Amino acid sequence: MAIAGGACSAYWVRYDADRRWLHVRSTTALRSECPTVEEAIERLHQGEQVTVAGSDMAELRRRMHPDEQAD
């Protein structure tokens, strides 16, 4: 998968809207093929599975569950 350093740690993510639960599994992906956080959120709400860059996971979790953040 490593092509000229373009690979990154990533996560396959699926959203269960009924339970408000993110299903996450680690993987490796080309960074250029990972959507932005905004695109990922939109696609997750449409029922799609997305591959999110590892560096974006904290922001994705924060934005998907803003009421669960510590003070």
PDB file of N, CA and C in Angstrom:
ATOM      1  N   MET A   1       0.816  -1.190   0.000  1.00  0.00           N
ATOM      2  CA  MET A   1       0.000   0.000   0.000  1.00  0.00           C
ATOM      3  C   MET A   1       0.861   1.256   0.000  1.00  0.00           C
ATOM      4  N   ALA A   2       2.035   1.232   0.586  1.00  0.00           N
ATOM      5  CA  ALA A   2       2.865   2.437   0.670  1.00  0.00           C
ATOM      6  C   ALA A   2       3.363   2.828  -0.708  1.00  0.00           C
ATOM      7  N   ILE A   3       2.831   3.919  -1.210  1.00  0.00           N
ATOM      8  CA  ILE A   3       3.223   4.425  -2.521  1.00  0.00           C
ATOM      9  C   ILE A   3       3.816   5.800  -2.311  1.00  0.00           C
ATOM     10  N   ALA A   4       5.130   5.884  -2.372  1.00  0.00           N
ATOM     11  CA  ALA A   4       5.840   7.157  -2.210  1.00  0.00           C
ATOM     12  C   ALA A   4       5.405   7.892  -0.947  1.00  0.00           C
ATOM     13  N   GLY A   5       5.188   7.162   0.110  1.00  0.00           N
ATOM     14  CA  GLY A   5       4.826   7.789   1.379  1.00  0.00           C
ATOM     15  C   GLY A   5       3.394   8.268   1.463  1.00  0.00           C
ATOM     16  N   GLY A   6       2.526   7.892   0.530  1.00  0.00           N
ATOM     17  CA  GLY A   6       1.149   8.375   0.514  1.00  0.00           C
ATOM     18  C   GLY A   6       0.213   7.602   1.422  1.00  0.00           C
ATOM     19  N   ALA A   7       0.695   6.540   2.044  1.00  0.00           N
ATOM     20  CA  ALA A   7      -0.175   5.738   2.908  1.00  0.00           C
ATOM     21  C   ALA A   7      -0.205   6.320   4.316  1.00  0.00           C
ATOM     22  N   CYS A   8      -1.352   6.116   4.974  1.00  0.00           N
ATOM     23  CA  CYS A   8      -1.488   6.595   6.347  1.00  0.00           C
ATOM     24  C   CYS A   8      -2.324   5.600   7.145  1.00  0.00           C
ATOM     25  N   SER A   9      -2.232   5.706   8.451  1.00  0.00           N
ATOM     26  CA  SER A   9      -3.129   4.946   9.308  1.00  0.00           C
ATOM     27  C   SER A   9      -4.525   5.495   9.070  1.00  0.00           C
ATOM     28  N   ALA A  10      -5.494   4.611   9.023  1.00  0.00           N
ATOM     29  CA  ALA A  10      -6.857   5.043   8.733  1.00  0.00           C
ATOM     30  C   ALA A  10      -7.832   4.113   9.442  1.00  0.00           C
ATOM     31  N   TYR A  11      -9.109   4.451   9.332  1.00  0.00           N
ATOM     32  CA  TYR A  11     -10.159   3.662   9.960  1.00  0.00           C
ATOM     33  C   TYR A  11     -11.336   3.535   9.008  1.00  0.00           C
ATOM     34  N   TRP A  12     -11.873   2.314   8.918  1.00  0.00           N
ATOM     35  CA  TRP A  12     -13.160   2.118   8.253  1.00  0.00           C
ATOM     36  C   TRP A  12     -14.198   2.486   9.280  1.00  0.00           C
ATOM     37  N   VAL A  13     -15.121   3.334   8.901  1.00  0.00           N
ATOM     38  CA  VAL A  13     -16.123   3.818   9.848  1.00  0.00           C
ATOM     39  C   VAL A  13     -17.523   3.651   9.248  1.00  0.00           C
ATOM     40  N   ARG A  14     -18.428   3.177  10.082  1.00  0.00           N
ATOM     41  CA  ARG A  14     -19.840   3.068   9.737  1.00  0.00           C
ATOM     42  C   ARG A  14     -20.619   3.619  10.920  1.00  0.00           C
ATOM     43  N   TYR A  15     -21.723   4.298  10.641  1.00  0.00           N
ATOM     44  CA  TYR A  15     -22.517   4.927  11.693  1.00  0.00           C
ATOM     45  C   TYR A  15     -23.851   4.222  11.840  1.00  0.00           C
ATOM     46  N   ASP A  16     -24.175   3.815  13.054  1.00  0.00           N
ATOM     47  CA  ASP A  16     -25.479   3.230  13.386  1.00  0.00           C
ATOM     48  C   ASP A  16     -26.312   4.360  13.981  1.00  0.00           C
ATOM     49  N   ALA A  17     -27.182   4.939  13.168  1.00  0.00           N
ATOM     50  CA  ALA A  17     -27.958   6.108  13.591  1.00  0.00           C
ATOM     51  C   ALA A  17     -28.950   5.771  14.705  1.00  0.00           C
ATOM     52  N   ASP A  18     -29.477   4.563  14.697  1.00  0.00           N
ATOM     53  CA  ASP A  18     -30.444   4.180  15.735  1.00  0.00           C
ATOM     54  C   ASP A  18     -29.812   4.183  17.119  1.00  0.00           C
ATOM     55  N   ARG A  19     -28.592   3.693  17.191  1.00  0.00           N
ATOM     56  CA  ARG A  19     -27.891   3.611  18.480  1.00  0.00           C
ATOM     57  C   ARG A  19     -26.902   4.756  18.685  1.00  0.00           C
ATOM     58  N   ARG A  20     -26.769   5.636  17.677  1.00  0.00           N
ATOM     59  CA  ARG A  20     -25.796   6.738  17.713  1.00  0.00           C
ATOM     60  C   ARG A  20     -24.402   6.179  18.034  1.00  0.00           C
ATOM     61  N   TRP A  21     -23.998   5.188  17.268  1.00  0.00           N
ATOM     62  CA  TRP A  21     -22.766   4.448  17.522  1.00  0.00           C
ATOM     63  C   TRP A  21     -21.890   4.435  16.284  1.00  0.00           C
ATOM     64  N   LEU A  22     -20.606   4.735  16.437  1.00  0.00           N
ATOM     65  CA  LEU A  22     -19.643   4.610  15.349  1.00  0.00           C
ATOM     66  C   LEU A  22     -18.987   3.242  15.427  1.00  0.00           C
ATOM     67  N   HIS A  23     -19.072   2.492  14.366  1.00  0.00           N
ATOM     68  CA  HIS A  23     -18.367   1.214  14.268  1.00  0.00           C
ATOM     69  C   HIS A  23     -17.061   1.502  13.549  1.00  0.00           C
ATOM     70  N   VAL A  24     -15.931   1.180  14.171  1.00  0.00           N
ATOM     71  CA  VAL A  24     -14.617   1.577  13.672  1.00  0.00           C
ATOM     72  C   VAL A  24     -13.695   0.366  13.610  1.00  0.00           C
ATOM     73  N   ARG A  25     -12.943   0.266  12.496  1.00  0.00           N
ATOM     74  CA  ARG A  25     -11.944  -0.793  12.352  1.00  0.00           C
ATOM     75  C   ARG A  25     -10.698  -0.196  11.710  1.00  0.00           C
ATOM     76  N   SER A  26      -9.535  -0.462  12.287  1.00  0.00           N
ATOM     77  CA  SER A  26      -8.305   0.136  11.779  1.00  0.00           C
ATOM     78  C   SER A  26      -7.869  -0.506  10.471  1.00  0.00           C
ATOM     79  N   THR A  27      -7.198   0.291   9.655  1.00  0.00           N
ATOM     80  CA  THR A  27      -6.686  -0.141   8.366  1.00  0.00           C
ATOM     81  C   THR A  27      -5.571   0.806   7.953  1.00  0.00           C
ATOM     82  N   THR A  28      -5.117   0.666   6.735  1.00  0.00           N
ATOM     83  CA  THR A  28      -4.165   1.584   6.120  1.00  0.00           C
ATOM     84  C   THR A  28      -4.765   2.007   4.791  1.00  0.00           C
ATOM     85  N   ALA A  29      -4.606   3.276   4.434  1.00  0.00           N
ATOM     86  CA  ALA A  29      -5.191   3.771   3.185  1.00  0.00           C
ATOM     87  C   ALA A  29      -4.319   4.870   2.603  1.00  0.00           C
ATOM     88  N   LEU A  30      -4.522   5.142   1.331  1.00  0.00           N
ATOM     89  CA  LEU A  30      -3.867   6.297   0.723  1.00  0.00           C
ATOM     90  C   LEU A  30      -4.554   7.549   1.257  1.00  0.00           C
ATOM     91  N   ARG A  31      -3.774   8.489   1.719  1.00  0.00           N
ATOM     92  CA  ARG A  31      -4.333   9.716   2.296  1.00  0.00           C
ATOM     93  C   ARG A  31      -5.212  10.439   1.283  1.00  0.00           C
ATOM     94  N   SER A  32      -4.814  10.391   0.034  1.00  0.00           N
ATOM     95  CA  SER A  32      -5.557  11.087  -1.019  1.00  0.00           C
ATOM     96  C   SER A  32      -6.941  10.484  -1.247  1.00  0.00           C
ATOM     97  N   GLU A  33      -7.185   9.265  -0.772  1.00  0.00           N
ATOM     98  CA  GLU A  33      -8.478   8.619  -0.953  1.00  0.00           C
ATOM     99  C   GLU A  33      -9.394   8.766   0.263  1.00  0.00           C
ATOM    100  N   CYS A  34      -8.918   9.414   1.302  1.00  0.00           N
ATOM    101  CA  CYS A  34      -9.732   9.629   2.501  1.00  0.00           C
ATOM    102  C   CYS A  34     -10.481  10.949   2.358  1.00  0.00           C
ATOM    103  N   PRO A  35     -11.792  10.946   2.645  1.00  0.00           N
ATOM    104  CA  PRO A  35     -12.557  12.183   2.545  1.00  0.00           C
ATOM    105  C   PRO A  35     -12.216  13.140   3.682  1.00  0.00           C
ATOM    106  N   THR A  36     -12.593  14.404   3.501  1.00  0.00           N
ATOM    107  CA  THR A  36     -12.467  15.367   4.589  1.00  0.00           C
ATOM    108  C   THR A  36     -13.448  14.974   5.684  1.00  0.00           C
ATOM    109  N   VAL A  37     -13.306  15.547   6.856  1.00  0.00           N
ATOM    110  CA  VAL A  37     -14.228  15.259   7.958  1.00  0.00           C
ATOM    111  C   VAL A  37     -15.654  15.619   7.558  1.00  0.00           C
ATOM    112  N   GLU A  38     -15.839  16.754   6.912  1.00  0.00           N
ATOM    113  CA  GLU A  38     -17.177  17.188   6.498  1.00  0.00           C
ATOM    114  C   GLU A  38     -17.792  16.188   5.521  1.00  0.00           C
ATOM    115  N   GLU A  39     -17.020  15.751   4.528  1.00  0.00           N
ATOM    116  CA  GLU A  39     -17.514  14.769   3.562  1.00  0.00           C
ATOM    117  C   GLU A  39     -17.830  13.442   4.246  1.00  0.00           C
ATOM    118  N   ALA A  40     -16.975  13.028   5.167  1.00  0.00           N
ATOM    119  CA  ALA A  40     -17.181  11.767   5.874  1.00  0.00           C
ATOM    120  C   ALA A  40     -18.476  11.805   6.675  1.00  0.00           C
ATOM    121  N   ILE A  41     -18.735  12.902   7.372  1.00  0.00           N
ATOM    122  CA  ILE A  41     -19.959  13.029   8.165  1.00  0.00           C
ATOM    123  C   ILE A  41     -21.186  12.942   7.272  1.00  0.00           C
ATOM    124  N   GLU A  42     -21.166  13.640   6.170  1.00  0.00           N
ATOM    125  CA  GLU A  42     -22.292  13.607   5.227  1.00  0.00           C
ATOM    126  C   GLU A  42     -22.539  12.185   4.715  1.00  0.00           C
ATOM    127  N   ARG A  43     -21.477  11.508   4.320  1.00  0.00           N
ATOM    128  CA  ARG A  43     -21.610  10.148   3.793  1.00  0.00           C
ATOM    129  C   ARG A  43     -22.055   9.161   4.872  1.00  0.00           C
ATOM    130  N   LEU A  44     -21.566   9.326   6.099  1.00  0.00           N
ATOM    131  CA  LEU A  44     -21.981   8.457   7.199  1.00  0.00           C
ATOM    132  C   LEU A  44     -23.474   8.601   7.475  1.00  0.00           C
ATOM    133  N   HIS A  45     -23.978   9.834   7.434  1.00  0.00           N
ATOM    134  CA  HIS A  45     -25.406  10.062   7.670  1.00  0.00           C
ATOM    135  C   HIS A  45     -26.265   9.521   6.527  1.00  0.00           C
ATOM    136  N   GLN A  46     -25.654   9.276   5.374  1.00  0.00           N
ATOM    137  CA  GLN A  46     -26.363   8.668   4.245  1.00  0.00           C
ATOM    138  C   GLN A  46     -26.278   7.145   4.290  1.00  0.00           C
ATOM    139  N   GLY A  47     -25.646   6.616   5.329  1.00  0.00           N
ATOM    140  CA  GLY A  47     -25.566   5.170   5.501  1.00  0.00           C
ATOM    141  C   GLY A  47     -24.358   4.513   4.856  1.00  0.00           C
ATOM    142  N   GLU A  48     -23.428   5.297   4.342  1.00  0.00           N
ATOM    143  CA  GLU A  48     -22.237   4.747   3.712  1.00  0.00           C
ATOM    144  C   GLU A  48     -21.167   4.408   4.744  1.00  0.00           C
ATOM    145  N   GLN A  49     -20.283   3.519   4.373  1.00  0.00           N
ATOM    146  CA  GLN A  49     -19.060   3.261   5.154  1.00  0.00           C
ATOM    147  C   GLN A  49     -17.965   4.114   4.518  1.00  0.00           C
ATOM    148  N   VAL A  50     -17.161   4.756   5.321  1.00  0.00           N
ATOM    149  CA  VAL A  50     -16.082   5.596   4.802  1.00  0.00           C
ATOM    150  C   VAL A  50     -14.752   5.200   5.430  1.00  0.00           C
ATOM    151  N   THR A  51     -13.687   5.514   4.736  1.00  0.00           N
ATOM    152  CA  THR A  51     -12.337   5.321   5.257  1.00  0.00           C
ATOM    153  C   THR A  51     -11.813   6.694   5.653  1.00  0.00           C
ATOM    154  N   VAL A  52     -11.563   6.866   6.940  1.00  0.00           N
ATOM    155  CA  VAL A  52     -11.160   8.161   7.492  1.00  0.00           C
ATOM    156  C   VAL A  52      -9.696   8.099   7.909  1.00  0.00           C
ATOM    157  N   ALA A  53      -8.932   9.121   7.557  1.00  0.00           N
ATOM    158  CA  ALA A  53      -7.529   9.191   7.963  1.00  0.00           C
ATOM    159  C   ALA A  53      -7.442   9.194   9.480  1.00  0.00           C
ATOM    160  N   GLY A  54      -6.455   8.503  10.015  1.00  0.00           N
ATOM    161  CA  GLY A  54      -6.282   8.423  11.459  1.00  0.00           C
ATOM    162  C   GLY A  54      -6.194   9.787  12.120  1.00  0.00           C
ATOM    163  N   SER A  55      -5.556  10.725  11.445  1.00  0.00           N
ATOM    164  CA  SER A  55      -5.397  12.070  12.014  1.00  0.00           C
ATOM    165  C   SER A  55      -6.717  12.836  12.087  1.00  0.00           C
ATOM    166  N   ASP A  56      -7.761  12.356  11.387  1.00  0.00           N
ATOM    167  CA  ASP A  56      -9.068  13.014  11.402  1.00  0.00           C
ATOM    168  C   ASP A  56     -10.068  12.368  12.362  1.00  0.00           C
ATOM    169  N   MET A  57      -9.712  11.234  12.956  1.00  0.00           N
ATOM    170  CA  MET A  57     -10.673  10.503  13.773  1.00  0.00           C
ATOM    171  C   MET A  57     -11.141  11.260  15.009  1.00  0.00           C
ATOM    172  N   ALA A  58     -10.244  11.948  15.696  1.00  0.00           N
ATOM    173  CA  ALA A  58     -10.650  12.689  16.895  1.00  0.00           C
ATOM    174  C   ALA A  58     -11.664  13.772  16.533  1.00  0.00           C
ATOM    175  N   GLU A  59     -11.437  14.473  15.451  1.00  0.00           N
ATOM    176  CA  GLU A  59     -12.366  15.520  15.007  1.00  0.00           C
ATOM    177  C   GLU A  59     -13.694  14.903  14.565  1.00  0.00           C
ATOM    178  N   LEU A  60     -13.649  13.783  13.873  1.00  0.00           N
ATOM    179  CA  LEU A  60     -14.872  13.116  13.446  1.00  0.00           C
ATOM    180  C   LEU A  60     -15.701  12.702  14.666  1.00  0.00           C
ATOM    181  N   ARG A  61     -15.066  12.081  15.648  1.00  0.00           N
ATOM    182  CA  ARG A  61     -15.781  11.671  16.858  1.00  0.00           C
ATOM    183  C   ARG A  61     -16.364  12.884  17.580  1.00  0.00           C
ATOM    184  N   ARG A  62     -15.586  13.952  17.673  1.00  0.00           N
ATOM    185  CA  ARG A  62     -16.050  15.162  18.361  1.00  0.00           C
ATOM    186  C   ARG A  62     -17.283  15.733  17.664  1.00  0.00           C
ATOM    187  N   ARG A  63     -17.275  15.742  16.354  1.00  0.00           N
ATOM    188  CA  ARG A  63     -18.381  16.335  15.605  1.00  0.00           C
ATOM    189  C   ARG A  63     -19.601  15.423  15.515  1.00  0.00           C
ATOM    190  N   MET A  64     -19.386  14.123  15.562  1.00  0.00           N
ATOM    191  CA  MET A  64     -20.518  13.197  15.508  1.00  0.00           C
ATOM    192  C   MET A  64     -21.224  13.098  16.863  1.00  0.00           C
ATOM    193  N   HIS A  65     -20.491  13.310  17.957  1.00  0.00           N
ATOM    194  CA  HIS A  65     -21.050  13.198  19.310  1.00  0.00           C
ATOM    195  C   HIS A  65     -20.616  14.391  20.164  1.00  0.00           C
ATOM    196  N   PRO A  66     -21.024  15.599  19.801  1.00  0.00           N
ATOM    197  CA  PRO A  66     -20.567  16.779  20.547  1.00  0.00           C
ATOM    198  C   PRO A  66     -21.033  16.819  21.997  1.00  0.00           C
ATOM    199  N   ASP A  67     -22.151  16.175  22.307  1.00  0.00           N
ATOM    200  CA  ASP A  67     -22.685  16.185  23.674  1.00  0.00           C
ATOM    201  C   ASP A  67     -21.938  15.249  24.615  1.00  0.00           C
ATOM    202  N   GLU A  68     -21.040  14.424  24.093  1.00  0.00           N
ATOM    203  CA  GLU A  68     -20.306  13.467  24.922  1.00  0.00           C
ATOM    204  C   GLU A  68     -18.894  13.924  25.247  1.00  0.00           C
ATOM    205  N   GLN A  69     -18.570  15.158  24.953  1.00  0.00           N
ATOM    206  CA  GLN A  69     -17.224  15.661  25.176  1.00  0.00           C
ATOM    207  C   GLN A  69     -17.037  16.082  26.626  1.00  0.00           C
ATOM    208  N   ALA A  70     -15.873  15.814  27.143  1.00  0.00           N
ATOM    209  CA  ALA A  70     -15.541  16.203  28.521  1.00  0.00           C
ATOM    210  C   ALA A  70     -15.370  17.717  28.609  1.00  0.00           C
ATOM    211  N   ASP A  71     -15.660  18.278  29.778  1.00  0.00           N
ATOM    212  CA  ASP A  71     -15.499  19.729  29.985  1.00  0.00           C
ATOM    213  C   ASP A  71     -14.061  20.090  30.178  1.00  0.00           C
TER     214      ASP A  71
END
